[in-house]
């Protein structure tokens, strides 16, 4: 039996506001760099989020240079172009369909790789589900470090996969994009409504 390393305590209201209640999807950004050290710190938080069998299929490219963002631009829908090009950093979040090849290292307790071999449907479902989950962890890690996020779809998924992941190891497919930086109130919509608990939840 593994003992807990810490006793969990509720976060204070300031932290909950930063992570959830006052966090927004930003469309405009301060002209302020996101340094490489902060991006690495973001990943070092993100990587601890749970995935099934610790499969960790997410693969992330952080586009910081203008050259890299210009490669992305032709694959964006028009409404996403300007806000993406002006972001200090854009994360391209993908998932590796060869994630199971790493399971002997990541989940050594059993032969988890054999669960997936010869089952492309299970591979695709597991990679997409857990890669998306890790993308959400990325956003929460960014907010925890004082950064703002602008997650988006609205791009040519196949085009981005080919442009950015074709030369990378594995068989990686782009999932969604997330601009990262320090957001401003410019072009910030009023917060949209959310469902109440009783509308979408039930305790059984």
N, C-alpha and C. Protein backbone atom coordinates (compact mmCIF):
# COMPACT_ATOMS: atom_id res chain seq x y z
N UNK A 1 0.84 -1.19 0.00
CA UNK A 1 0.00 0.00 0.00
C UNK A 1 0.88 1.25 0.00
N UNK A 2 0.56 2.20 -0.90
CA UNK A 2 1.31 3.45 -1.00
C UNK A 2 0.62 4.51 -0.16
N UNK A 3 1.35 5.08 0.79
CA UNK A 3 0.77 6.11 1.64
C UNK A 3 0.70 7.44 0.89
N UNK A 4 -0.31 8.23 1.21
CA UNK A 4 -0.43 9.55 0.62
C UNK A 4 0.73 10.42 1.07
N UNK A 5 1.25 11.19 0.13
CA UNK A 5 2.37 12.06 0.45
C UNK A 5 1.91 13.34 1.15
N UNK A 6 0.67 13.75 0.87
CA UNK A 6 0.16 14.98 1.48
C UNK A 6 -1.30 14.77 1.87
N UNK A 7 -1.76 15.58 2.79
CA UNK A 7 -3.18 15.63 3.12
C UNK A 7 -3.82 16.73 2.30
N UNK A 8 -4.80 16.37 1.49
CA UNK A 8 -5.45 17.36 0.63
C UNK A 8 -6.22 18.38 1.46
N UNK A 9 -6.12 19.63 1.05
CA UNK A 9 -6.87 20.72 1.68
C UNK A 9 -7.51 21.53 0.55
N UNK A 10 -8.71 22.07 0.79
CA UNK A 10 -9.35 22.89 -0.25
C UNK A 10 -8.49 24.10 -0.61
N UNK A 11 -8.46 24.43 -1.89
CA UNK A 11 -7.80 25.66 -2.31
C UNK A 11 -8.60 26.86 -1.84
N UNK A 12 -7.92 27.98 -1.68
CA UNK A 12 -8.64 29.19 -1.26
C UNK A 12 -9.41 29.78 -2.44
N UNK A 13 -10.28 30.75 -2.16
CA UNK A 13 -11.12 31.32 -3.19
C UNK A 13 -10.32 32.00 -4.29
N UNK A 14 -9.20 32.61 -3.94
CA UNK A 14 -8.36 33.26 -4.96
C UNK A 14 -7.90 32.23 -5.99
N UNK A 15 -7.45 31.08 -5.51
CA UNK A 15 -6.96 30.05 -6.42
C UNK A 15 -8.10 29.48 -7.26
N UNK A 16 -9.25 29.26 -6.65
CA UNK A 16 -10.39 28.73 -7.40
C UNK A 16 -10.87 29.72 -8.45
N UNK A 17 -10.83 31.01 -8.13
CA UNK A 17 -11.19 32.03 -9.11
C UNK A 17 -10.22 31.98 -10.30
N UNK A 18 -8.93 31.88 -10.00
CA UNK A 18 -7.92 31.90 -11.07
C UNK A 18 -8.03 30.68 -11.97
N UNK A 19 -8.32 29.54 -11.40
CA UNK A 19 -8.40 28.31 -12.17
C UNK A 19 -9.73 28.14 -12.89
N UNK A 20 -10.83 28.59 -12.25
CA UNK A 20 -12.15 28.28 -12.77
C UNK A 20 -13.07 29.50 -12.88
N UNK A 21 -13.44 30.09 -11.77
CA UNK A 21 -14.58 31.00 -11.73
C UNK A 21 -14.35 32.29 -12.51
N UNK A 22 -13.12 32.80 -12.51
CA UNK A 22 -12.83 34.04 -13.23
C UNK A 22 -11.94 33.82 -14.44
N UNK A 23 -11.61 32.58 -14.71
CA UNK A 23 -10.80 32.26 -15.89
C UNK A 23 -11.64 32.44 -17.14
N UNK A 24 -11.04 32.96 -18.20
CA UNK A 24 -11.77 33.24 -19.43
C UNK A 24 -10.99 32.70 -20.63
N UNK A 25 -11.69 32.64 -21.76
CA UNK A 25 -11.05 32.34 -23.03
C UNK A 25 -10.69 33.66 -23.70
N UNK A 26 -9.40 33.93 -23.85
CA UNK A 26 -8.94 35.24 -24.30
C UNK A 26 -8.73 35.28 -25.81
N UNK A 27 -9.01 36.46 -26.37
CA UNK A 27 -8.88 36.70 -27.81
C UNK A 27 -7.82 37.75 -28.14
N UNK A 28 -7.27 38.41 -27.13
CA UNK A 28 -6.25 39.43 -27.35
C UNK A 28 -5.21 39.32 -26.24
N UNK A 29 -3.99 39.77 -26.55
CA UNK A 29 -2.86 39.45 -25.69
C UNK A 29 -1.95 40.64 -25.48
N UNK A 30 -1.38 40.73 -24.30
CA UNK A 30 -0.30 41.69 -24.06
C UNK A 30 0.90 41.31 -24.91
N UNK A 31 1.66 42.32 -25.28
CA UNK A 31 2.92 42.10 -26.01
C UNK A 31 3.98 41.72 -24.98
N UNK A 32 3.90 40.50 -24.52
CA UNK A 32 4.72 40.05 -23.39
C UNK A 32 5.09 38.59 -23.62
N UNK A 33 6.36 38.32 -23.62
CA UNK A 33 6.87 36.99 -23.95
C UNK A 33 6.51 35.96 -22.87
N UNK A 34 6.27 34.74 -23.30
CA UNK A 34 6.17 33.60 -22.39
C UNK A 34 7.50 32.84 -22.51
N UNK A 35 8.36 32.93 -21.50
CA UNK A 35 9.70 32.34 -21.64
C UNK A 35 9.67 30.81 -21.68
N UNK A 36 10.71 30.26 -22.25
CA UNK A 36 10.84 28.81 -22.36
C UNK A 36 10.80 28.14 -20.99
N UNK A 37 11.38 28.77 -19.99
CA UNK A 37 11.38 28.18 -18.65
C UNK A 37 9.97 28.02 -18.11
N UNK A 38 9.09 28.97 -18.43
CA UNK A 38 7.70 28.89 -17.96
C UNK A 38 6.94 27.81 -18.73
N UNK A 39 7.22 27.66 -20.00
CA UNK A 39 6.59 26.60 -20.79
C UNK A 39 6.99 25.23 -20.25
N UNK A 40 8.25 25.09 -19.91
CA UNK A 40 8.70 23.81 -19.35
C UNK A 40 8.06 23.56 -17.99
N UNK A 41 7.92 24.61 -17.18
CA UNK A 41 7.25 24.46 -15.88
C UNK A 41 5.79 24.06 -16.07
N UNK A 42 5.15 24.61 -17.09
CA UNK A 42 3.77 24.25 -17.41
C UNK A 42 3.67 22.75 -17.69
N UNK A 43 4.56 22.25 -18.54
CA UNK A 43 4.53 20.81 -18.85
C UNK A 43 4.81 19.97 -17.62
N UNK A 44 5.72 20.44 -16.78
CA UNK A 44 6.07 19.67 -15.59
C UNK A 44 4.93 19.58 -14.59
N UNK A 45 3.93 20.44 -14.70
CA UNK A 45 2.68 20.28 -13.95
C UNK A 45 1.70 19.39 -14.71
N UNK A 46 1.54 19.68 -15.97
CA UNK A 46 0.59 18.95 -16.82
C UNK A 46 0.82 17.45 -16.79
N UNK A 47 2.08 17.03 -16.80
CA UNK A 47 2.40 15.61 -16.96
C UNK A 47 1.91 14.74 -15.81
N UNK A 48 1.59 15.36 -14.66
CA UNK A 48 1.14 14.58 -13.52
C UNK A 48 -0.36 14.30 -13.55
N UNK A 49 -1.09 14.87 -14.49
CA UNK A 49 -2.51 14.58 -14.60
C UNK A 49 -2.74 13.13 -14.99
N UNK A 50 -3.79 12.54 -14.46
CA UNK A 50 -4.04 11.12 -14.67
C UNK A 50 -4.46 10.82 -16.10
N UNK A 51 -3.94 9.71 -16.64
CA UNK A 51 -4.42 9.13 -17.89
C UNK A 51 -4.57 7.63 -17.68
N UNK A 52 -5.39 6.98 -18.49
CA UNK A 52 -5.61 5.55 -18.30
C UNK A 52 -4.32 4.78 -18.56
N UNK A 53 -3.97 3.92 -17.61
CA UNK A 53 -2.73 3.14 -17.68
C UNK A 53 -1.51 4.04 -17.88
N UNK A 54 -1.62 5.27 -17.41
CA UNK A 54 -0.53 6.24 -17.54
C UNK A 54 -0.06 6.35 -19.00
N UNK A 55 -1.01 6.23 -19.94
CA UNK A 55 -0.63 6.12 -21.35
C UNK A 55 -0.06 7.40 -21.93
N UNK A 56 -0.43 8.56 -21.42
CA UNK A 56 0.20 9.84 -21.76
C UNK A 56 0.38 10.04 -23.27
N UNK A 57 -0.71 10.00 -24.04
CA UNK A 57 -0.57 10.09 -25.50
C UNK A 57 -0.38 11.51 -26.04
N UNK A 58 -0.56 12.54 -25.22
CA UNK A 58 -0.47 13.90 -25.73
C UNK A 58 0.94 14.22 -26.21
N UNK A 59 1.00 14.92 -27.31
CA UNK A 59 2.25 15.47 -27.83
C UNK A 59 1.97 16.95 -28.12
N UNK A 60 2.83 17.82 -27.64
CA UNK A 60 2.55 19.26 -27.71
C UNK A 60 3.71 19.98 -28.38
N UNK A 61 3.37 20.81 -29.35
CA UNK A 61 4.34 21.73 -29.93
C UNK A 61 3.97 23.14 -29.50
N UNK A 62 4.91 23.84 -28.90
CA UNK A 62 4.69 25.21 -28.46
C UNK A 62 5.29 26.16 -29.50
N UNK A 63 4.43 26.85 -30.22
CA UNK A 63 4.88 27.75 -31.28
C UNK A 63 5.11 29.14 -30.70
N UNK A 64 6.37 29.54 -30.59
CA UNK A 64 6.71 30.84 -30.02
C UNK A 64 7.24 31.79 -31.08
N UNK A 65 7.92 31.29 -32.07
CA UNK A 65 8.52 32.15 -33.09
C UNK A 65 7.47 32.57 -34.12
N UNK A 66 7.71 33.72 -34.72
CA UNK A 66 6.81 34.19 -35.78
C UNK A 66 6.83 33.21 -36.95
N UNK A 67 7.99 32.67 -37.24
CA UNK A 67 8.12 31.71 -38.34
C UNK A 67 7.21 30.50 -38.12
N UNK A 68 7.21 29.96 -36.90
CA UNK A 68 6.38 28.79 -36.61
C UNK A 68 4.90 29.14 -36.70
N UNK A 69 4.52 30.31 -36.19
CA UNK A 69 3.11 30.70 -36.24
C UNK A 69 2.66 30.98 -37.68
N UNK A 70 3.55 31.47 -38.51
CA UNK A 70 3.20 31.69 -39.91
C UNK A 70 2.94 30.36 -40.63
N UNK A 71 3.61 29.31 -40.20
CA UNK A 71 3.33 27.98 -40.77
C UNK A 71 1.93 27.51 -40.39
N UNK A 72 1.46 27.95 -39.23
CA UNK A 72 0.13 27.57 -38.77
C UNK A 72 -0.97 28.37 -39.47
N UNK A 73 -0.69 29.62 -39.81
CA UNK A 73 -1.70 30.56 -40.28
C UNK A 73 -2.55 30.04 -41.44
N UNK A 74 -1.98 29.42 -42.48
CA UNK A 74 -2.82 28.98 -43.60
C UNK A 74 -3.85 27.92 -43.23
N UNK A 75 -3.69 27.29 -42.09
CA UNK A 75 -4.58 26.21 -41.68
C UNK A 75 -5.69 26.67 -40.74
N UNK A 76 -5.71 27.98 -40.42
CA UNK A 76 -6.71 28.52 -39.51
C UNK A 76 -7.91 29.07 -40.28
N UNK A 77 -9.10 28.96 -39.69
CA UNK A 77 -10.23 29.67 -40.28
C UNK A 77 -10.00 31.16 -40.07
N UNK A 78 -10.63 31.97 -40.89
CA UNK A 78 -10.36 33.41 -40.89
C UNK A 78 -10.58 34.04 -39.52
N UNK A 79 -11.63 33.64 -38.82
CA UNK A 79 -11.94 34.25 -37.53
C UNK A 79 -10.95 33.95 -36.44
N UNK A 80 -10.11 32.95 -36.64
CA UNK A 80 -9.12 32.60 -35.61
C UNK A 80 -7.73 33.11 -35.93
N UNK A 81 -7.56 33.72 -37.10
CA UNK A 81 -6.21 34.04 -37.56
C UNK A 81 -5.53 35.13 -36.73
N UNK A 82 -6.16 36.30 -36.62
CA UNK A 82 -5.50 37.43 -35.96
C UNK A 82 -5.19 37.15 -34.51
N UNK A 83 -6.15 36.60 -33.79
CA UNK A 83 -5.93 36.37 -32.35
C UNK A 83 -4.88 35.30 -32.10
N UNK A 84 -4.70 34.41 -33.07
CA UNK A 84 -3.67 33.39 -32.93
C UNK A 84 -2.30 33.93 -33.26
N UNK A 85 -2.22 34.72 -34.31
CA UNK A 85 -0.93 35.26 -34.72
C UNK A 85 -0.35 36.23 -33.69
N UNK A 86 -1.21 36.90 -32.92
CA UNK A 86 -0.73 37.87 -31.93
C UNK A 86 -0.47 37.24 -30.57
N UNK A 87 -0.80 35.97 -30.39
CA UNK A 87 -0.54 35.30 -29.11
C UNK A 87 0.96 35.06 -28.95
N UNK A 88 1.49 35.24 -27.74
CA UNK A 88 2.92 34.99 -27.54
C UNK A 88 3.32 33.55 -27.81
N UNK A 89 2.40 32.63 -27.55
CA UNK A 89 2.70 31.21 -27.70
C UNK A 89 1.41 30.50 -28.10
N UNK A 90 1.51 29.56 -29.01
CA UNK A 90 0.36 28.75 -29.40
C UNK A 90 0.74 27.28 -29.24
N UNK A 91 -0.01 26.57 -28.40
CA UNK A 91 0.24 25.14 -28.21
C UNK A 91 -0.60 24.36 -29.22
N UNK A 92 0.06 23.50 -29.96
CA UNK A 92 -0.62 22.56 -30.85
C UNK A 92 -0.67 21.24 -30.10
N UNK A 93 -1.86 20.86 -29.67
CA UNK A 93 -2.01 19.67 -28.84
C UNK A 93 -2.44 18.51 -29.72
N UNK A 94 -1.64 17.49 -29.76
CA UNK A 94 -1.95 16.30 -30.54
C UNK A 94 -1.90 15.06 -29.69
N UNK A 95 -2.20 13.93 -30.30
CA UNK A 95 -2.12 12.65 -29.60
C UNK A 95 -1.47 11.62 -30.51
N UNK A 96 -0.66 10.77 -29.91
CA UNK A 96 0.15 9.81 -30.65
C UNK A 96 -0.56 8.47 -30.71
N UNK A 97 -0.85 8.02 -31.92
CA UNK A 97 -1.51 6.73 -32.10
C UNK A 97 -0.56 5.55 -31.88
N UNK A 98 0.69 5.85 -31.57
CA UNK A 98 1.63 4.80 -31.20
C UNK A 98 1.99 4.87 -29.72
N UNK A 99 1.11 5.49 -28.94
CA UNK A 99 1.38 5.66 -27.51
C UNK A 99 1.65 4.34 -26.81
N UNK A 100 0.98 3.27 -27.26
CA UNK A 100 1.07 1.98 -26.57
C UNK A 100 2.47 1.38 -26.62
N UNK A 101 3.29 1.83 -27.59
CA UNK A 101 4.66 1.34 -27.66
C UNK A 101 5.49 1.78 -26.45
N UNK A 102 5.03 2.80 -25.76
CA UNK A 102 5.77 3.31 -24.60
C UNK A 102 5.26 2.73 -23.27
N UNK A 103 4.23 1.91 -23.33
CA UNK A 103 3.63 1.41 -22.09
C UNK A 103 4.57 0.53 -21.25
N UNK A 104 5.48 -0.25 -21.84
CA UNK A 104 6.41 -0.99 -20.98
C UNK A 104 7.21 -0.09 -20.05
N UNK A 105 7.48 1.13 -20.48
CA UNK A 105 8.18 2.11 -19.63
C UNK A 105 7.21 2.84 -18.70
N UNK A 106 6.06 3.26 -19.24
CA UNK A 106 5.16 4.12 -18.48
C UNK A 106 4.25 3.34 -17.52
N UNK A 107 3.97 2.08 -17.83
CA UNK A 107 3.07 1.27 -17.01
C UNK A 107 3.66 -0.13 -16.89
N UNK A 108 4.76 -0.25 -16.16
CA UNK A 108 5.51 -1.51 -16.13
C UNK A 108 4.88 -2.61 -15.28
N UNK A 109 3.75 -2.32 -14.63
CA UNK A 109 3.15 -3.29 -13.71
C UNK A 109 2.62 -4.51 -14.43
N UNK A 110 2.29 -4.36 -15.73
CA UNK A 110 1.71 -5.45 -16.49
C UNK A 110 1.97 -5.22 -17.97
N UNK A 111 1.65 -6.18 -18.80
CA UNK A 111 1.88 -6.05 -20.24
C UNK A 111 0.73 -5.28 -20.88
N UNK A 112 0.67 -3.98 -20.61
CA UNK A 112 -0.43 -3.15 -21.12
C UNK A 112 -0.35 -2.95 -22.62
N UNK A 113 0.83 -3.03 -23.19
CA UNK A 113 0.94 -2.85 -24.64
C UNK A 113 0.10 -3.87 -25.39
N UNK A 114 0.02 -5.08 -24.87
CA UNK A 114 -0.73 -6.13 -25.55
C UNK A 114 -2.23 -5.84 -25.60
N UNK A 115 -2.72 -4.97 -24.72
CA UNK A 115 -4.14 -4.62 -24.74
C UNK A 115 -4.52 -3.92 -26.05
N UNK A 116 -3.55 -3.25 -26.64
CA UNK A 116 -3.84 -2.39 -27.78
C UNK A 116 -3.36 -2.95 -29.12
N UNK A 117 -2.41 -3.84 -29.10
CA UNK A 117 -1.83 -4.35 -30.34
C UNK A 117 -2.92 -5.00 -31.20
N UNK A 118 -2.98 -4.59 -32.46
CA UNK A 118 -3.96 -5.15 -33.38
C UNK A 118 -5.38 -4.65 -33.19
N UNK A 119 -5.56 -3.59 -32.39
CA UNK A 119 -6.90 -3.05 -32.14
C UNK A 119 -6.90 -1.55 -32.42
N UNK A 120 -6.93 -1.16 -33.70
CA UNK A 120 -6.83 0.27 -34.04
C UNK A 120 -7.97 1.11 -33.49
N UNK A 121 -9.15 0.53 -33.33
CA UNK A 121 -10.26 1.30 -32.79
C UNK A 121 -10.00 1.68 -31.34
N UNK A 122 -9.54 0.73 -30.55
CA UNK A 122 -9.22 1.02 -29.15
C UNK A 122 -8.06 2.01 -29.04
N UNK A 123 -7.08 1.85 -29.90
CA UNK A 123 -5.94 2.78 -29.91
C UNK A 123 -6.43 4.21 -30.17
N UNK A 124 -7.26 4.39 -31.21
CA UNK A 124 -7.72 5.72 -31.56
C UNK A 124 -8.57 6.33 -30.46
N UNK A 125 -9.48 5.54 -29.88
CA UNK A 125 -10.34 6.04 -28.82
C UNK A 125 -9.52 6.44 -27.59
N UNK A 126 -8.57 5.59 -27.22
CA UNK A 126 -7.77 5.85 -26.02
C UNK A 126 -6.87 7.06 -26.23
N UNK A 127 -6.25 7.15 -27.39
CA UNK A 127 -5.36 8.28 -27.67
C UNK A 127 -6.13 9.59 -27.66
N UNK A 128 -7.28 9.62 -28.32
CA UNK A 128 -8.06 10.85 -28.40
C UNK A 128 -8.59 11.26 -27.04
N UNK A 129 -9.16 10.31 -26.31
CA UNK A 129 -9.76 10.63 -25.00
C UNK A 129 -8.70 11.16 -24.04
N UNK A 130 -7.60 10.44 -23.92
CA UNK A 130 -6.59 10.82 -22.94
C UNK A 130 -5.75 12.00 -23.40
N UNK A 131 -5.55 12.13 -24.71
CA UNK A 131 -4.85 13.31 -25.21
C UNK A 131 -5.65 14.58 -24.99
N UNK A 132 -6.98 14.49 -25.16
CA UNK A 132 -7.84 15.63 -24.89
C UNK A 132 -7.80 15.98 -23.41
N UNK A 133 -7.84 14.96 -22.57
CA UNK A 133 -7.75 15.17 -21.13
C UNK A 133 -6.45 15.89 -20.78
N UNK A 134 -5.36 15.47 -21.38
CA UNK A 134 -4.08 16.13 -21.10
C UNK A 134 -4.05 17.57 -21.61
N UNK A 135 -4.78 17.83 -22.70
CA UNK A 135 -4.89 19.21 -23.16
C UNK A 135 -5.59 20.08 -22.14
N UNK A 136 -6.60 19.52 -21.46
CA UNK A 136 -7.27 20.26 -20.39
C UNK A 136 -6.32 20.47 -19.21
N UNK A 137 -5.52 19.45 -18.90
CA UNK A 137 -4.52 19.64 -17.84
C UNK A 137 -3.56 20.76 -18.20
N UNK A 138 -3.19 20.85 -19.48
CA UNK A 138 -2.29 21.91 -19.93
C UNK A 138 -2.89 23.28 -19.61
N UNK A 139 -4.18 23.45 -19.89
CA UNK A 139 -4.83 24.72 -19.62
C UNK A 139 -4.84 25.05 -18.13
N UNK A 140 -5.14 24.06 -17.30
CA UNK A 140 -5.18 24.30 -15.86
C UNK A 140 -3.78 24.60 -15.33
N UNK A 141 -2.77 23.92 -15.87
CA UNK A 141 -1.40 24.19 -15.44
C UNK A 141 -1.00 25.61 -15.83
N UNK A 142 -1.38 26.02 -17.04
CA UNK A 142 -1.06 27.38 -17.48
C UNK A 142 -1.70 28.41 -16.56
N UNK A 143 -2.97 28.22 -16.25
CA UNK A 143 -3.66 29.15 -15.36
C UNK A 143 -3.03 29.15 -13.97
N UNK A 144 -2.64 27.98 -13.51
CA UNK A 144 -2.03 27.89 -12.17
C UNK A 144 -0.72 28.68 -12.11
N UNK A 145 -0.05 28.82 -13.25
CA UNK A 145 1.22 29.55 -13.31
C UNK A 145 1.03 31.02 -13.67
N UNK A 146 -0.23 31.49 -13.69
CA UNK A 146 -0.49 32.89 -13.94
C UNK A 146 -0.66 33.26 -15.39
N UNK A 147 -0.77 32.26 -16.27
CA UNK A 147 -0.98 32.51 -17.69
C UNK A 147 -2.46 32.44 -18.03
N UNK A 148 -2.82 33.00 -19.17
CA UNK A 148 -4.18 32.92 -19.69
C UNK A 148 -4.19 32.03 -20.92
N UNK A 149 -5.37 31.52 -21.26
CA UNK A 149 -5.52 30.57 -22.34
C UNK A 149 -6.60 31.01 -23.33
N UNK A 150 -6.40 30.61 -24.58
CA UNK A 150 -7.40 30.79 -25.61
C UNK A 150 -7.54 29.52 -26.43
N UNK A 151 -8.22 28.50 -25.88
CA UNK A 151 -8.36 27.24 -26.62
C UNK A 151 -9.27 27.41 -27.81
N UNK A 152 -9.02 26.64 -28.87
CA UNK A 152 -9.85 26.77 -30.07
C UNK A 152 -9.76 25.52 -30.93
N UNK A 153 -10.83 25.30 -31.66
CA UNK A 153 -10.79 24.43 -32.82
C UNK A 153 -10.80 25.38 -34.02
N UNK A 154 -11.53 25.11 -35.05
CA UNK A 154 -11.56 26.05 -36.16
C UNK A 154 -10.26 26.09 -36.93
N UNK A 155 -9.76 24.91 -37.30
CA UNK A 155 -8.56 24.84 -38.11
C UNK A 155 -8.59 23.53 -38.90
N UNK A 156 -7.75 23.44 -39.90
CA UNK A 156 -7.65 22.24 -40.73
C UNK A 156 -6.81 21.21 -39.99
N UNK A 157 -7.49 20.25 -39.39
CA UNK A 157 -6.80 19.27 -38.55
C UNK A 157 -5.78 18.45 -39.35
N UNK A 158 -6.16 17.99 -40.52
CA UNK A 158 -5.23 17.20 -41.32
C UNK A 158 -4.05 18.03 -41.78
N UNK A 159 -4.34 19.29 -42.15
CA UNK A 159 -3.26 20.16 -42.59
C UNK A 159 -2.26 20.45 -41.49
N UNK A 160 -2.75 20.71 -40.28
CA UNK A 160 -1.86 20.98 -39.15
C UNK A 160 -1.08 19.72 -38.77
N UNK A 161 -1.75 18.57 -38.80
CA UNK A 161 -1.06 17.31 -38.50
C UNK A 161 0.11 17.09 -39.46
N UNK A 162 -0.15 17.33 -40.75
CA UNK A 162 0.90 17.13 -41.75
C UNK A 162 2.01 18.16 -41.62
N UNK A 163 1.63 19.42 -41.39
CA UNK A 163 2.61 20.50 -41.32
C UNK A 163 3.55 20.37 -40.14
N UNK A 164 2.99 19.95 -38.98
CA UNK A 164 3.78 20.00 -37.75
C UNK A 164 4.18 18.65 -37.19
N UNK A 165 3.41 17.62 -37.44
CA UNK A 165 3.69 16.35 -36.78
C UNK A 165 4.23 15.27 -37.71
N UNK A 166 4.21 15.51 -39.01
CA UNK A 166 4.64 14.46 -39.94
C UNK A 166 6.09 14.07 -39.72
N UNK A 167 6.93 15.02 -39.33
CA UNK A 167 8.35 14.74 -39.13
C UNK A 167 8.68 14.38 -37.68
N UNK A 168 7.66 14.37 -36.82
CA UNK A 168 7.89 14.04 -35.41
C UNK A 168 7.80 12.53 -35.21
N UNK A 169 8.38 12.01 -34.13
CA UNK A 169 8.28 10.57 -33.87
C UNK A 169 6.83 10.15 -33.64
N UNK A 170 6.53 8.89 -33.92
CA UNK A 170 5.20 8.36 -33.69
C UNK A 170 4.25 8.67 -34.83
N UNK A 171 2.98 8.56 -34.55
CA UNK A 171 1.91 8.83 -35.52
C UNK A 171 0.94 9.80 -34.85
N UNK A 172 1.27 11.09 -34.90
CA UNK A 172 0.60 12.10 -34.10
C UNK A 172 -0.44 12.83 -34.94
N UNK A 173 -1.64 13.01 -34.36
CA UNK A 173 -2.72 13.74 -34.99
C UNK A 173 -3.05 14.97 -34.15
N UNK A 174 -3.19 16.11 -34.81
CA UNK A 174 -3.56 17.33 -34.11
C UNK A 174 -4.98 17.21 -33.57
N UNK A 175 -5.20 17.76 -32.37
CA UNK A 175 -6.51 17.71 -31.72
C UNK A 175 -7.10 19.12 -31.61
N UNK A 176 -6.45 19.98 -30.82
CA UNK A 176 -6.91 21.37 -30.73
C UNK A 176 -5.74 22.29 -30.46
N UNK A 177 -6.00 23.58 -30.57
CA UNK A 177 -4.99 24.60 -30.36
C UNK A 177 -5.30 25.36 -29.08
N UNK A 178 -4.27 25.92 -28.47
CA UNK A 178 -4.49 26.76 -27.30
C UNK A 178 -3.46 27.88 -27.28
N UNK A 179 -3.93 29.10 -27.50
CA UNK A 179 -3.05 30.26 -27.35
C UNK A 179 -2.75 30.46 -25.87
N UNK A 180 -1.53 30.85 -25.56
CA UNK A 180 -1.08 31.00 -24.18
C UNK A 180 -0.35 32.32 -24.05
N UNK A 181 -0.66 33.07 -23.01
CA UNK A 181 0.02 34.32 -22.77
C UNK A 181 -0.65 35.08 -21.65
N UNK A 182 -0.67 36.39 -21.77
CA UNK A 182 -1.29 37.25 -20.78
C UNK A 182 -2.41 38.02 -21.47
N UNK A 183 -3.64 37.60 -21.20
CA UNK A 183 -4.78 38.12 -21.93
C UNK A 183 -5.14 39.54 -21.54
N UNK A 184 -5.82 40.23 -22.47
CA UNK A 184 -6.35 41.57 -22.20
C UNK A 184 -7.86 41.53 -22.39
N UNK A 185 -8.53 42.61 -21.99
CA UNK A 185 -9.98 42.66 -22.08
C UNK A 185 -10.48 42.99 -23.49
N UNK A 186 -9.58 43.28 -24.41
CA UNK A 186 -9.98 43.58 -25.78
C UNK A 186 -10.67 42.37 -26.41
N UNK A 187 -11.81 42.59 -27.03
CA UNK A 187 -12.57 41.53 -27.69
C UNK A 187 -12.96 40.39 -26.75
N UNK A 188 -13.10 40.71 -25.47
CA UNK A 188 -13.48 39.70 -24.50
C UNK A 188 -15.00 39.71 -24.35
N UNK A 189 -15.63 38.60 -24.67
CA UNK A 189 -17.08 38.51 -24.58
C UNK A 189 -17.52 38.44 -23.12
N UNK A 190 -18.77 38.85 -22.88
CA UNK A 190 -19.35 38.58 -21.57
C UNK A 190 -19.39 37.07 -21.36
N UNK A 191 -19.27 36.67 -20.11
CA UNK A 191 -19.29 35.23 -19.84
C UNK A 191 -20.62 34.63 -20.26
N UNK A 192 -20.56 33.54 -20.99
CA UNK A 192 -21.77 32.86 -21.44
C UNK A 192 -22.39 32.05 -20.30
N UNK A 193 -23.68 31.77 -20.39
CA UNK A 193 -24.34 31.01 -19.32
C UNK A 193 -23.78 29.60 -19.19
N UNK A 194 -23.96 29.05 -18.01
CA UNK A 194 -23.61 27.66 -17.75
C UNK A 194 -24.84 26.95 -17.20
N UNK A 195 -24.92 25.65 -17.43
CA UNK A 195 -25.99 24.86 -16.83
C UNK A 195 -25.88 24.84 -15.32
N UNK A 196 -27.00 24.79 -14.64
CA UNK A 196 -27.01 24.54 -13.21
C UNK A 196 -26.89 23.05 -12.93
N UNK A 197 -26.51 22.72 -11.71
CA UNK A 197 -26.30 21.33 -11.31
C UNK A 197 -27.52 20.47 -11.65
N UNK A 198 -28.69 20.92 -11.27
CA UNK A 198 -29.90 20.10 -11.44
C UNK A 198 -30.27 19.88 -12.90
N UNK A 199 -29.74 20.70 -13.80
CA UNK A 199 -30.07 20.56 -15.21
C UNK A 199 -29.29 19.41 -15.88
N UNK A 200 -28.10 19.14 -15.40
CA UNK A 200 -27.24 18.18 -16.11
C UNK A 200 -26.65 17.11 -15.20
N UNK A 201 -26.91 17.18 -13.92
CA UNK A 201 -26.32 16.23 -12.98
C UNK A 201 -27.41 15.55 -12.16
N UNK A 202 -27.08 14.37 -11.70
CA UNK A 202 -27.99 13.63 -10.83
C UNK A 202 -27.16 12.76 -9.91
N UNK A 203 -27.49 12.75 -8.66
CA UNK A 203 -26.82 11.88 -7.69
C UNK A 203 -27.66 10.63 -7.50
N UNK A 204 -27.09 9.48 -7.74
CA UNK A 204 -27.83 8.22 -7.63
C UNK A 204 -27.41 7.46 -6.38
